[in-house]
C-alpha cells in the first residue's frame, strides 16, 4: 500500500514545489540574498557611524579647526555610505511577483534609517562648519532616529536570513 502511494505523494509534493516556487521567493531567501549582497557594506556603515559617534563624544568643548576638519571628512564618508544603503533593494518577491510582508517592511525601516543617518551626517557636517549646540543637537536627534529605524530593519532582515550578529548601531 505504501508503495502505491509513494508515486502520487511525490508527484503532489513536486507539483506544490513547482507551483509555489519552492523556497526561492521566501522571506528567508530574500533576506539572505540581501545579507550576502550588502552585509559587508552594512557592517562598514555601522562601524563608521559608531566611530564617528565616539569621535563626537571626545570633542573638546571648543573644538579646534583640525578636529572639525577631520570630523567633516568622516561625516562626509558616513553620509555617502548611508545614502548608498538607503537605495539597496531586498529581493523578497516570489515567482508570481507577490511580496512577502516581512522583508519589504524591514527594507523600508532600513532605508528610512539610512536616510535619517545620512541626514544626521549632514547635520554633523554643518556643525563642523559652524559649531553650535543647536547643530550638535540636530545631529544627535537624527542619529537617534536613524539608529532606531536601522537597528529594527537590519535585525529583522538578519533574523529572516537566520543569521546572527546584525550590524546594528
C-alpha atoms as a PDB file:
ATOM      1  CA  UNK A   1       0.000   0.000   0.000  1.00  0.00           C
ATOM      2  CA  UNK A   2       2.788   2.396   0.870  1.00  0.00           C
ATOM      3  CA  UNK A   3       4.491   1.832  -2.480  1.00  0.00           C
ATOM      4  CA  UNK A   4       1.307   2.636  -4.396  1.00  0.00           C
ATOM      5  CA  UNK A   5       1.027   5.989  -2.596  1.00  0.00           C
ATOM      6  CA  UNK A   6       4.676   6.923  -2.949  1.00  0.00           C
ATOM      7  CA  UNK A   7       4.356   7.949  -6.602  1.00  0.00           C
ATOM      8  CA  UNK A   8       1.250  10.155  -6.180  1.00  0.00           C
ATOM      9  CA  UNK A   9       2.595  11.724  -2.972  1.00  0.00           C
ATOM     10  CA  UNK A  10       5.897  12.544  -4.664  1.00  0.00           C
ATOM     11  CA  UNK A  11       4.046  13.997  -7.665  1.00  0.00           C
ATOM     12  CA  UNK A  12       1.910  16.187  -5.394  1.00  0.00           C
ATOM     13  CA  UNK A  13       4.983  17.390  -3.497  1.00  0.00           C
ATOM     14  CA  UNK A  14       6.816  18.155  -6.725  1.00  0.00           C
ATOM     15  CA  UNK A  15       3.792  19.973  -8.122  1.00  0.00           C
ATOM     16  CA  UNK A  16       3.424  22.068  -4.989  1.00  0.00           C
ATOM     17  CA  UNK A  17       7.089  22.971  -5.133  1.00  0.00           C
ATOM     18  CA  UNK A  18       6.888  23.999  -8.796  1.00  0.00           C
ATOM     19  CA  UNK A  19       3.671  25.970  -8.369  1.00  0.00           C
ATOM     20  CA  UNK A  20       4.841  27.589  -5.149  1.00  0.00           C
ATOM     21  CA  UNK A  21       8.305  28.351  -6.419  1.00  0.00           C
ATOM     22  CA  UNK A  22       9.755  26.160  -3.655  1.00  0.00           C
ATOM     23  CA  UNK A  23      11.522  28.393  -1.185  1.00  0.00           C
ATOM     24  CA  UNK A  24      13.064  30.620  -3.849  1.00  0.00           C
ATOM     25  CA  UNK A  25      10.802  33.525  -3.010  1.00  0.00           C
ATOM     26  CA  UNK A  26      10.571  33.015   0.724  1.00  0.00           C
ATOM     27  CA  UNK A  27      11.411  35.850   3.096  1.00  0.00           C
ATOM     28  CA  UNK A  28      14.456  33.878   4.209  1.00  0.00           C
ATOM     29  CA  UNK A  29      15.781  33.758   0.651  1.00  0.00           C
ATOM     30  CA  UNK A  30      15.280  37.488   0.102  1.00  0.00           C
ATOM     31  CA  UNK A  31      16.823  38.372   3.432  1.00  0.00           C
ATOM     32  CA  UNK A  32      19.751  36.003   2.903  1.00  0.00           C
ATOM     33  CA  UNK A  33      20.347  37.476  -0.552  1.00  0.00           C
ATOM     34  CA  UNK A  34      20.309  40.941   0.982  1.00  0.00           C
ATOM     35  CA  UNK A  35      22.788  39.897   3.675  1.00  0.00           C
ATOM     36  CA  UNK A  36      25.061  38.281   1.114  1.00  0.00           C
ATOM     37  CA  UNK A  37      24.959  41.302  -1.172  1.00  0.00           C
ATOM     38  CA  UNK A  38      25.062  44.145   1.357  1.00  0.00           C
ATOM     39  CA  UNK A  39      26.297  42.649   4.617  1.00  0.00           C
ATOM     40  CA  UNK A  40      29.845  43.952   4.332  1.00  0.00           C
ATOM     41  CA  UNK A  41      28.701  47.470   3.419  1.00  0.00           C
ATOM     42  CA  UNK A  42      26.104  47.423   6.223  1.00  0.00           C
ATOM     43  CA  UNK A  43      28.794  46.420   8.708  1.00  0.00           C
ATOM     44  CA  UNK A  44      31.043  49.195   7.375  1.00  0.00           C
ATOM     45  CA  UNK A  45      28.270  51.784   7.791  1.00  0.00           C
ATOM     46  CA  UNK A  46      27.618  50.586  11.337  1.00  0.00           C
ATOM     47  CA  UNK A  47      31.328  50.751  12.205  1.00  0.00           C
ATOM     48  CA  UNK A  48      31.763  54.187  10.602  1.00  0.00           C
ATOM     49  CA  UNK A  49      28.714  55.548  12.410  1.00  0.00           C
ATOM     50  CA  UNK A  50      29.855  54.176  15.785  1.00  0.00           C
ATOM     51  CA  UNK A  51      33.390  55.527  15.322  1.00  0.00           C
ATOM     52  CA  UNK A  52      32.054  58.932  14.363  1.00  0.00           C
ATOM     53  CA  UNK A  53      29.762  58.993  17.385  1.00  0.00           C
ATOM     54  CA  UNK A  54      32.757  58.197  19.575  1.00  0.00           C
ATOM     55  CA  UNK A  55      34.768  60.982  17.911  1.00  0.00           C
ATOM     56  CA  UNK A  56      31.952  63.444  18.598  1.00  0.00           C
ATOM     57  CA  UNK A  57      31.803  62.389  22.252  1.00  0.00           C
ATOM     58  CA  UNK A  58      35.534  63.075  22.572  1.00  0.00           C
ATOM     59  CA  UNK A  59      35.436  66.589  21.115  1.00  0.00           C
ATOM     60  CA  UNK A  60      36.683  69.308  23.381  1.00  0.00           C
ATOM     61  CA  UNK A  61      34.115  71.935  24.434  1.00  0.00           C
ATOM     62  CA  UNK A  62      35.710  74.298  21.915  1.00  0.00           C
ATOM     63  CA  UNK A  63      36.885  72.054  19.049  1.00  0.00           C
ATOM     64  CA  UNK A  64      39.921  73.069  17.045  1.00  0.00           C
ATOM     65  CA  UNK A  65      39.812  73.646  13.273  1.00  0.00           C
ATOM     66  CA  UNK A  66      41.805  70.429  12.622  1.00  0.00           C
ATOM     67  CA  UNK A  67      39.356  68.447  14.784  1.00  0.00           C
ATOM     68  CA  UNK A  68      36.422  69.935  12.911  1.00  0.00           C
ATOM     69  CA  UNK A  69      38.090  69.245   9.561  1.00  0.00           C
ATOM     70  CA  UNK A  70      38.585  65.577  10.446  1.00  0.00           C
ATOM     71  CA  UNK A  71      35.025  65.413  11.724  1.00  0.00           C
ATOM     72  CA  UNK A  72      33.685  66.884   8.471  1.00  0.00           C
ATOM     73  CA  UNK A  73      35.659  64.352   6.400  1.00  0.00           C
ATOM     74  CA  UNK A  74      34.432  61.430   8.463  1.00  0.00           C
ATOM     75  CA  UNK A  75      30.849  62.729   8.334  1.00  0.00           C
ATOM     76  CA  UNK A  76      31.060  63.016   4.541  1.00  0.00           C
ATOM     77  CA  UNK A  77      32.224  59.398   4.287  1.00  0.00           C
ATOM     78  CA  UNK A  78      29.450  58.212   6.599  1.00  0.00           C
ATOM     79  CA  UNK A  79      26.868  60.280   4.730  1.00  0.00           C
ATOM     80  CA  UNK A  80      27.899  58.685   1.428  1.00  0.00           C
ATOM     81  CA  UNK A  81      27.708  55.187   2.948  1.00  0.00           C
ATOM     82  CA  UNK A  82      24.271  55.900   4.432  1.00  0.00           C
ATOM     83  CA  UNK A  83      22.965  57.334   1.160  1.00  0.00           C
ATOM     84  CA  UNK A  84      24.045  54.186  -0.694  1.00  0.00           C
ATOM     85  CA  UNK A  85      22.464  51.981   1.983  1.00  0.00           C
ATOM     86  CA  UNK A  86      19.170  53.817   1.586  1.00  0.00           C
ATOM     87  CA  UNK A  87      18.887  52.634  -2.012  1.00  0.00           C
ATOM     88  CA  UNK A  88      19.616  48.941  -1.522  1.00  0.00           C
ATOM     89  CA  UNK A  89      16.920  46.541  -2.663  1.00  0.00           C
ATOM     90  CA  UNK A  90      15.999  43.367  -0.875  1.00  0.00           C
ATOM     91  CA  UNK A  91      14.878  40.548  -3.132  1.00  0.00           C
ATOM     92  CA  UNK A  92      11.627  39.493  -1.464  1.00  0.00           C
ATOM     93  CA  UNK A  93       9.272  38.525  -4.250  1.00  0.00           C
ATOM     94  CA  UNK A  94       8.104  35.049  -5.026  1.00  0.00           C
ATOM     95  CA  UNK A  95       7.809  33.772  -8.570  1.00  0.00           C
ATOM     96  CA  UNK A  96       4.322  35.213  -9.014  1.00  0.00           C
ATOM     97  CA  UNK A  97       5.620  38.650  -8.009  1.00  0.00           C
ATOM     98  CA  UNK A  98       3.738  38.862  -4.717  1.00  0.00           C
ATOM     99  CA  UNK A  99       5.783  40.380  -1.946  1.00  0.00           C
ATOM    100  CA  UNK A 100       6.301  38.707   1.371  1.00  0.00           C
ATOM    101  CA  UNK A 101       5.346  41.210   4.052  1.00  0.00           C
ATOM    102  CA  UNK A 102       8.240  40.963   6.496  1.00  0.00           C
ATOM    103  CA  UNK A 103      11.077  41.563   4.055  1.00  0.00           C
ATOM    104  CA  UNK A 104       9.704  44.751   2.468  1.00  0.00           C
ATOM    105  CA  UNK A 105       8.774  46.093   5.912  1.00  0.00           C
ATOM    106  CA  UNK A 106      12.344  45.534   7.134  1.00  0.00           C
ATOM    107  CA  UNK A 107      13.701  47.020   3.903  1.00  0.00           C
ATOM    108  CA  UNK A 108      11.574  50.136   4.445  1.00  0.00           C
ATOM    109  CA  UNK A 109      12.795  50.518   8.023  1.00  0.00           C
ATOM    110  CA  UNK A 110      16.358  50.083   6.861  1.00  0.00           C
ATOM    111  CA  UNK A 111      16.002  52.639   4.065  1.00  0.00           C
ATOM    112  CA  UNK A 112      14.352  55.136   6.417  1.00  0.00           C
ATOM    113  CA  UNK A 113      17.068  54.546   8.987  1.00  0.00           C
ATOM    114  CA  UNK A 114      19.793  55.021   6.392  1.00  0.00           C
ATOM    115  CA  UNK A 115      18.120  58.230   5.216  1.00  0.00           C
ATOM    116  CA  UNK A 116      17.977  59.512   8.766  1.00  0.00           C
ATOM    117  CA  UNK A 117      21.644  58.564   9.271  1.00  0.00           C
ATOM    118  CA  UNK A 118      22.572  60.478   6.108  1.00  0.00           C
ATOM    119  CA  UNK A 119      20.623  63.447   7.468  1.00  0.00           C
ATOM    120  CA  UNK A 120      22.459  63.144  10.792  1.00  0.00           C
ATOM    121  CA  UNK A 121      25.792  63.223   8.987  1.00  0.00           C
ATOM    122  CA  UNK A 122      24.692  66.287   7.058  1.00  0.00           C
ATOM    123  CA  UNK A 123      23.865  67.958  10.372  1.00  0.00           C
ATOM    124  CA  UNK A 124      27.278  66.943  11.684  1.00  0.00           C
ATOM    125  CA  UNK A 125      28.950  68.486   8.653  1.00  0.00           C
ATOM    126  CA  UNK A 126      27.000  71.682   9.341  1.00  0.00           C
ATOM    127  CA  UNK A 127      28.249  71.535  12.924  1.00  0.00           C
ATOM    128  CA  UNK A 128      31.837  71.143  11.681  1.00  0.00           C
ATOM    129  CA  UNK A 129      31.429  74.291   9.549  1.00  0.00           C
ATOM    130  CA  UNK A 130      29.817  76.343  12.317  1.00  0.00           C
ATOM    131  CA  UNK A 131      29.929  74.665  15.732  1.00  0.00           C
ATOM    132  CA  UNK A 132      26.844  75.323  17.846  1.00  0.00           C
ATOM    133  CA  UNK A 133      24.808  73.471  20.433  1.00  0.00           C
ATOM    134  CA  UNK A 134      21.790  73.530  18.107  1.00  0.00           C
ATOM    135  CA  UNK A 135      23.706  71.916  15.229  1.00  0.00           C
ATOM    136  CA  UNK A 136      25.078  69.236  17.533  1.00  0.00           C
ATOM    137  CA  UNK A 137      21.600  68.580  18.948  1.00  0.00           C
ATOM    138  CA  UNK A 138      20.264  68.192  15.392  1.00  0.00           C
ATOM    139  CA  UNK A 139      22.906  65.574  14.679  1.00  0.00           C
ATOM    140  CA  UNK A 140      22.168  63.702  17.897  1.00  0.00           C
ATOM    141  CA  UNK A 141      18.404  63.722  17.324  1.00  0.00           C
ATOM    142  CA  UNK A 142      18.665  62.459  13.749  1.00  0.00           C
ATOM    143  CA  UNK A 143      21.227  59.874  14.796  1.00  0.00           C
ATOM    144  CA  UNK A 144      18.877  58.541  17.480  1.00  0.00           C
ATOM    145  CA  UNK A 145      16.002  58.299  14.993  1.00  0.00           C
ATOM    146  CA  UNK A 146      18.222  56.683  12.374  1.00  0.00           C
ATOM    147  CA  UNK A 147      19.630  54.215  14.893  1.00  0.00           C
ATOM    148  CA  UNK A 148      16.143  53.066  15.892  1.00  0.00           C
ATOM    149  CA  UNK A 149      14.968  52.521  12.317  1.00  0.00           C
ATOM    150  CA  UNK A 150      18.247  50.964  11.146  1.00  0.00           C
ATOM    151  CA  UNK A 151      18.505  48.588  14.103  1.00  0.00           C
ATOM    152  CA  UNK A 152      14.924  47.377  13.709  1.00  0.00           C
ATOM    153  CA  UNK A 153      15.270  46.850   9.961  1.00  0.00           C
ATOM    154  CA  UNK A 154      18.693  45.217   9.987  1.00  0.00           C
ATOM    155  CA  UNK A 155      17.805  42.998  12.943  1.00  0.00           C
ATOM    156  CA  UNK A 156      14.642  41.815  11.187  1.00  0.00           C
ATOM    157  CA  UNK A 157      16.497  41.072   7.944  1.00  0.00           C
ATOM    158  CA  UNK A 158      19.211  39.142   9.763  1.00  0.00           C
ATOM    159  CA  UNK A 159      16.534  37.230  11.696  1.00  0.00           C
ATOM    160  CA  UNK A 160      14.723  36.342   8.464  1.00  0.00           C
ATOM    161  CA  UNK A 161      18.042  35.240   6.953  1.00  0.00           C
ATOM    162  CA  UNK A 162      18.680  33.034  10.005  1.00  0.00           C
ATOM    163  CA  UNK A 163      21.886  34.948  10.656  1.00  0.00           C
ATOM    164  CA  UNK A 164      23.365  36.207  13.882  1.00  0.00           C
ATOM    165  CA  UNK A 165      25.150  39.461  14.730  1.00  0.00           C
ATOM    166  CA  UNK A 166      23.337  42.028  12.590  1.00  0.00           C
ATOM    167  CA  UNK A 167      25.392  45.201  12.075  1.00  0.00           C
ATOM    168  CA  UNK A 168      23.418  47.352  14.479  1.00  0.00           C
ATOM    169  CA  UNK A 169      24.371  50.789  15.671  1.00  0.00           C
END
